[in-house]
Amino acid sequence: MQGADRSKATLQGIIRGYVEPSTAIHSDGWRGYDGLVDIGFDKHFRVHHGENEFANGEKHINGIESFWSYAKRRLAKFNGVAKHTFYLHLKETEFRFNHRRDNLYREMLKLLRLNPL
């Protein structure tokens, strides 16, 4: 993300605007996440990759890293998507990721049976 603002203030402003305070947040040790507990996000769990810590009991970020790896590979096939449709592409990618071990055709048939067009 060239030119993107990755400052602590910007990141925490986005988190405050979109994330419920009761949400469990799993992050790495990047300093932009410092202070989340102080602003009401009491369920902030960290792993410190810089200290060769990649999991600590139930604390890890492997799931989200796996999803973004999958999403980047999937979305790269489109050579870019329009900003106004990005959310839809991301939701489709989320569905495909969550059902990556299932037969998508059967999953879609189930959804259409439950929610006919």
C-alpha atoms as a PDB file:
ATOM      1  CA  MET A   1       0.000   0.000   0.000  1.00  0.00           C
ATOM      2  CA  GLN A   2       2.252   2.703  -1.226  1.00  0.00           C
ATOM      3  CA  GLY A   3       1.433   6.098   0.245  1.00  0.00           C
ATOM      4  CA  ALA A   4      -1.096   4.699   2.709  1.00  0.00           C
ATOM      5  CA  ASP A   5      -1.195   6.232   6.179  1.00  0.00           C
ATOM      6  CA  ARG A   6      -0.163   3.480   8.584  1.00  0.00           C
ATOM      7  CA  SER A   7       0.084   5.696  11.642  1.00  0.00           C
ATOM      8  CA  LYS A   8      -1.147   4.624  15.044  1.00  0.00           C
ATOM      9  CA  ALA A   9      -3.759   7.420  15.046  1.00  0.00           C
ATOM     10  CA  THR A  10      -5.167   6.358  11.669  1.00  0.00           C
ATOM     11  CA  LEU A  11      -5.213   2.647  12.544  1.00  0.00           C
ATOM     12  CA  GLN A  12      -6.844   3.183  15.920  1.00  0.00           C
ATOM     13  CA  GLY A  13      -9.347   5.624  14.413  1.00  0.00           C
ATOM     14  CA  ILE A  14     -10.404   2.932  11.945  1.00  0.00           C
ATOM     15  CA  ILE A  15     -10.623   0.335  14.712  1.00  0.00           C
ATOM     16  CA  ARG A  16     -12.765   2.664  16.857  1.00  0.00           C
ATOM     17  CA  GLY A  17     -15.050   3.347  13.895  1.00  0.00           C
ATOM     18  CA  TYR A  18     -15.607  -0.244  12.804  1.00  0.00           C
ATOM     19  CA  VAL A  19     -14.831  -2.639  15.658  1.00  0.00           C
ATOM     20  CA  GLU A  20     -16.994  -3.256  18.722  1.00  0.00           C
ATOM     21  CA  PRO A  21     -15.025  -2.824  21.975  1.00  0.00           C
ATOM     22  CA  SER A  22     -16.027  -6.362  23.056  1.00  0.00           C
ATOM     23  CA  THR A  23     -14.352  -7.874  19.956  1.00  0.00           C
ATOM     24  CA  ALA A  24     -11.263 -10.039  20.440  1.00  0.00           C
ATOM     25  CA  ILE A  25      -8.413  -8.504  18.448  1.00  0.00           C
ATOM     26  CA  HIS A  26      -5.398 -10.650  17.592  1.00  0.00           C
ATOM     27  CA  SER A  27      -2.405  -8.758  16.288  1.00  0.00           C
ATOM     28  CA  ASP A  28       1.324  -8.859  15.925  1.00  0.00           C
ATOM     29  CA  GLY A  29       3.676  -6.652  17.911  1.00  0.00           C
ATOM     30  CA  TRP A  30       3.559  -3.651  15.569  1.00  0.00           C
ATOM     31  CA  ARG A  31       3.591  -0.434  17.608  1.00  0.00           C
ATOM     32  CA  GLY A  32       0.505   0.910  15.840  1.00  0.00           C
ATOM     33  CA  TYR A  33      -1.528  -1.455  18.022  1.00  0.00           C
ATOM     34  CA  ASP A  34      -0.030  -0.102  21.279  1.00  0.00           C
ATOM     35  CA  GLY A  35      -2.718   1.314  23.524  1.00  0.00           C
ATOM     36  CA  LEU A  36      -5.774  -0.575  22.260  1.00  0.00           C
ATOM     37  CA  VAL A  37      -6.504  -1.796  25.784  1.00  0.00           C
ATOM     38  CA  ASP A  38      -6.265   1.822  26.998  1.00  0.00           C
ATOM     39  CA  ILE A  39      -9.015   2.910  24.594  1.00  0.00           C
ATOM     40  CA  GLY A  40     -11.402   0.122  25.633  1.00  0.00           C
ATOM     41  CA  PHE A  41     -10.387  -2.931  23.613  1.00  0.00           C
ATOM     42  CA  ASP A  42      -9.715  -5.199  26.588  1.00  0.00           C
ATOM     43  CA  LYS A  43      -9.461  -8.363  24.485  1.00  0.00           C
ATOM     44  CA  HIS A  44      -6.309  -7.437  22.593  1.00  0.00           C
ATOM     45  CA  PHE A  45      -3.978 -10.415  22.202  1.00  0.00           C
ATOM     46  CA  ARG A  46      -0.542 -10.107  20.636  1.00  0.00           C
ATOM     47  CA  VAL A  47       2.203 -12.283  19.308  1.00  0.00           C
ATOM     48  CA  HIS A  48       5.645 -10.786  18.831  1.00  0.00           C
ATOM     49  CA  HIS A  49       7.110 -11.963  15.536  1.00  0.00           C
ATOM     50  CA  GLY A  50      10.254  -9.920  16.170  1.00  0.00           C
ATOM     51  CA  GLU A  51      10.950 -12.124  19.182  1.00  0.00           C
ATOM     52  CA  ASN A  52      10.325 -15.322  17.152  1.00  0.00           C
ATOM     53  CA  GLU A  53       6.911 -15.750  18.750  1.00  0.00           C
ATOM     54  CA  PHE A  54       4.306 -16.834  16.232  1.00  0.00           C
ATOM     55  CA  ALA A  55       1.798 -18.437  18.588  1.00  0.00           C
ATOM     56  CA  ASN A  56       1.305 -18.341  22.313  1.00  0.00           C
ATOM     57  CA  GLY A  57      -1.409 -20.745  23.413  1.00  0.00           C
ATOM     58  CA  GLU A  58      -4.617 -19.460  21.845  1.00  0.00           C
ATOM     59  CA  LYS A  59      -2.942 -16.233  20.714  1.00  0.00           C
ATOM     60  CA  HIS A  60      -1.919 -16.242  17.044  1.00  0.00           C
ATOM     61  CA  ILE A  61      -2.693 -14.463  13.796  1.00  0.00           C
ATOM     62  CA  ASN A  62      -2.252 -17.427  11.475  1.00  0.00           C
ATOM     63  CA  GLY A  63      -5.914 -17.448  10.415  1.00  0.00           C
ATOM     64  CA  ILE A  64      -6.017 -13.867   9.176  1.00  0.00           C
ATOM     65  CA  GLU A  65      -2.602 -14.183   7.539  1.00  0.00           C
ATOM     66  CA  SER A  66      -3.861 -17.287   5.742  1.00  0.00           C
ATOM     67  CA  PHE A  67      -7.015 -15.479   4.606  1.00  0.00           C
ATOM     68  CA  TRP A  68      -5.122 -12.452   3.235  1.00  0.00           C
ATOM     69  CA  SER A  69      -2.692 -14.710   1.409  1.00  0.00           C
ATOM     70  CA  TYR A  70      -5.676 -16.494  -0.175  1.00  0.00           C
ATOM     71  CA  ALA A  71      -7.443 -13.192  -0.921  1.00  0.00           C
ATOM     72  CA  LYS A  72      -4.410 -11.618  -2.585  1.00  0.00           C
ATOM     73  CA  ARG A  73      -3.940 -14.643  -4.845  1.00  0.00           C
ATOM     74  CA  ARG A  74      -7.645 -14.708  -5.724  1.00  0.00           C
ATOM     75  CA  LEU A  75      -8.057 -10.984  -6.354  1.00  0.00           C
ATOM     76  CA  ALA A  76      -4.814 -10.727  -8.368  1.00  0.00           C
ATOM     77  CA  LYS A  77      -6.598 -12.686 -11.112  1.00  0.00           C
ATOM     78  CA  PHE A  78      -8.798  -9.642 -11.770  1.00  0.00           C
ATOM     79  CA  ASN A  79      -5.843  -7.254 -12.293  1.00  0.00           C
ATOM     80  CA  GLY A  80      -7.596  -4.805  -9.999  1.00  0.00           C
ATOM     81  CA  VAL A  81     -11.216  -4.267  -9.050  1.00  0.00           C
ATOM     82  CA  ALA A  82     -13.271  -1.100  -8.901  1.00  0.00           C
ATOM     83  CA  LYS A  83     -13.347   0.521  -5.472  1.00  0.00           C
ATOM     84  CA  HIS A  84     -17.155   0.391  -5.357  1.00  0.00           C
ATOM     85  CA  THR A  85     -17.167  -3.407  -5.966  1.00  0.00           C
ATOM     86  CA  PHE A  86     -14.180  -4.309  -3.781  1.00  0.00           C
ATOM     87  CA  TYR A  87     -16.429  -5.179  -0.809  1.00  0.00           C
ATOM     88  CA  LEU A  88     -18.411  -7.645  -2.942  1.00  0.00           C
ATOM     89  CA  HIS A  89     -15.244  -9.274  -4.260  1.00  0.00           C
ATOM     90  CA  LEU A  90     -13.907  -9.515  -0.705  1.00  0.00           C
ATOM     91  CA  LYS A  91     -17.156 -11.084   0.586  1.00  0.00           C
ATOM     92  CA  GLU A  92     -17.068 -13.649  -2.219  1.00  0.00           C
ATOM     93  CA  THR A  93     -13.445 -14.406  -1.340  1.00  0.00           C
ATOM     94  CA  GLU A  94     -14.439 -14.779   2.320  1.00  0.00           C
ATOM     95  CA  PHE A  95     -17.161 -17.276   1.342  1.00  0.00           C
ATOM     96  CA  ARG A  96     -14.758 -19.235  -0.856  1.00  0.00           C
ATOM     97  CA  PHE A  97     -12.116 -19.249   1.906  1.00  0.00           C
ATOM     98  CA  ASN A  98     -14.571 -20.437   4.555  1.00  0.00           C
ATOM     99  CA  HIS A  99     -15.789 -23.212   2.234  1.00  0.00           C
ATOM    100  CA  ARG A 100     -12.479 -24.035   0.530  1.00  0.00           C
ATOM    101  CA  ARG A 101     -12.736 -27.693   1.561  1.00  0.00           C
ATOM    102  CA  ASP A 102     -16.380 -28.014   0.486  1.00  0.00           C
ATOM    103  CA  ASN A 103     -18.019 -28.559  -2.869  1.00  0.00           C
ATOM    104  CA  LEU A 104     -18.955 -24.963  -3.765  1.00  0.00           C
ATOM    105  CA  TYR A 105     -21.619 -26.089  -6.224  1.00  0.00           C
ATOM    106  CA  ARG A 106     -23.461 -27.980  -3.456  1.00  0.00           C
ATOM    107  CA  GLU A 107     -23.010 -25.069  -1.035  1.00  0.00           C
ATOM    108  CA  MET A 108     -24.541 -22.683  -3.566  1.00  0.00           C
ATOM    109  CA  LEU A 109     -27.472 -25.042  -4.159  1.00  0.00           C
ATOM    110  CA  LYS A 110     -28.125 -25.171  -0.397  1.00  0.00           C
ATOM    111  CA  LEU A 111     -28.088 -21.377  -0.213  1.00  0.00           C
ATOM    112  CA  LEU A 112     -30.456 -21.070  -3.167  1.00  0.00           C
ATOM    113  CA  ARG A 113     -32.845 -23.583  -1.598  1.00  0.00           C
ATOM    114  CA  LEU A 114     -32.893 -21.562   1.621  1.00  0.00           C
ATOM    115  CA  ASN A 115     -33.017 -18.182  -0.155  1.00  0.00           C
ATOM    116  CA  PRO A 116     -34.715 -18.563  -3.543  1.00  0.00           C
ATOM    117  CA  LEU A 117     -34.168 -15.758  -6.028  1.00  0.00           C
END
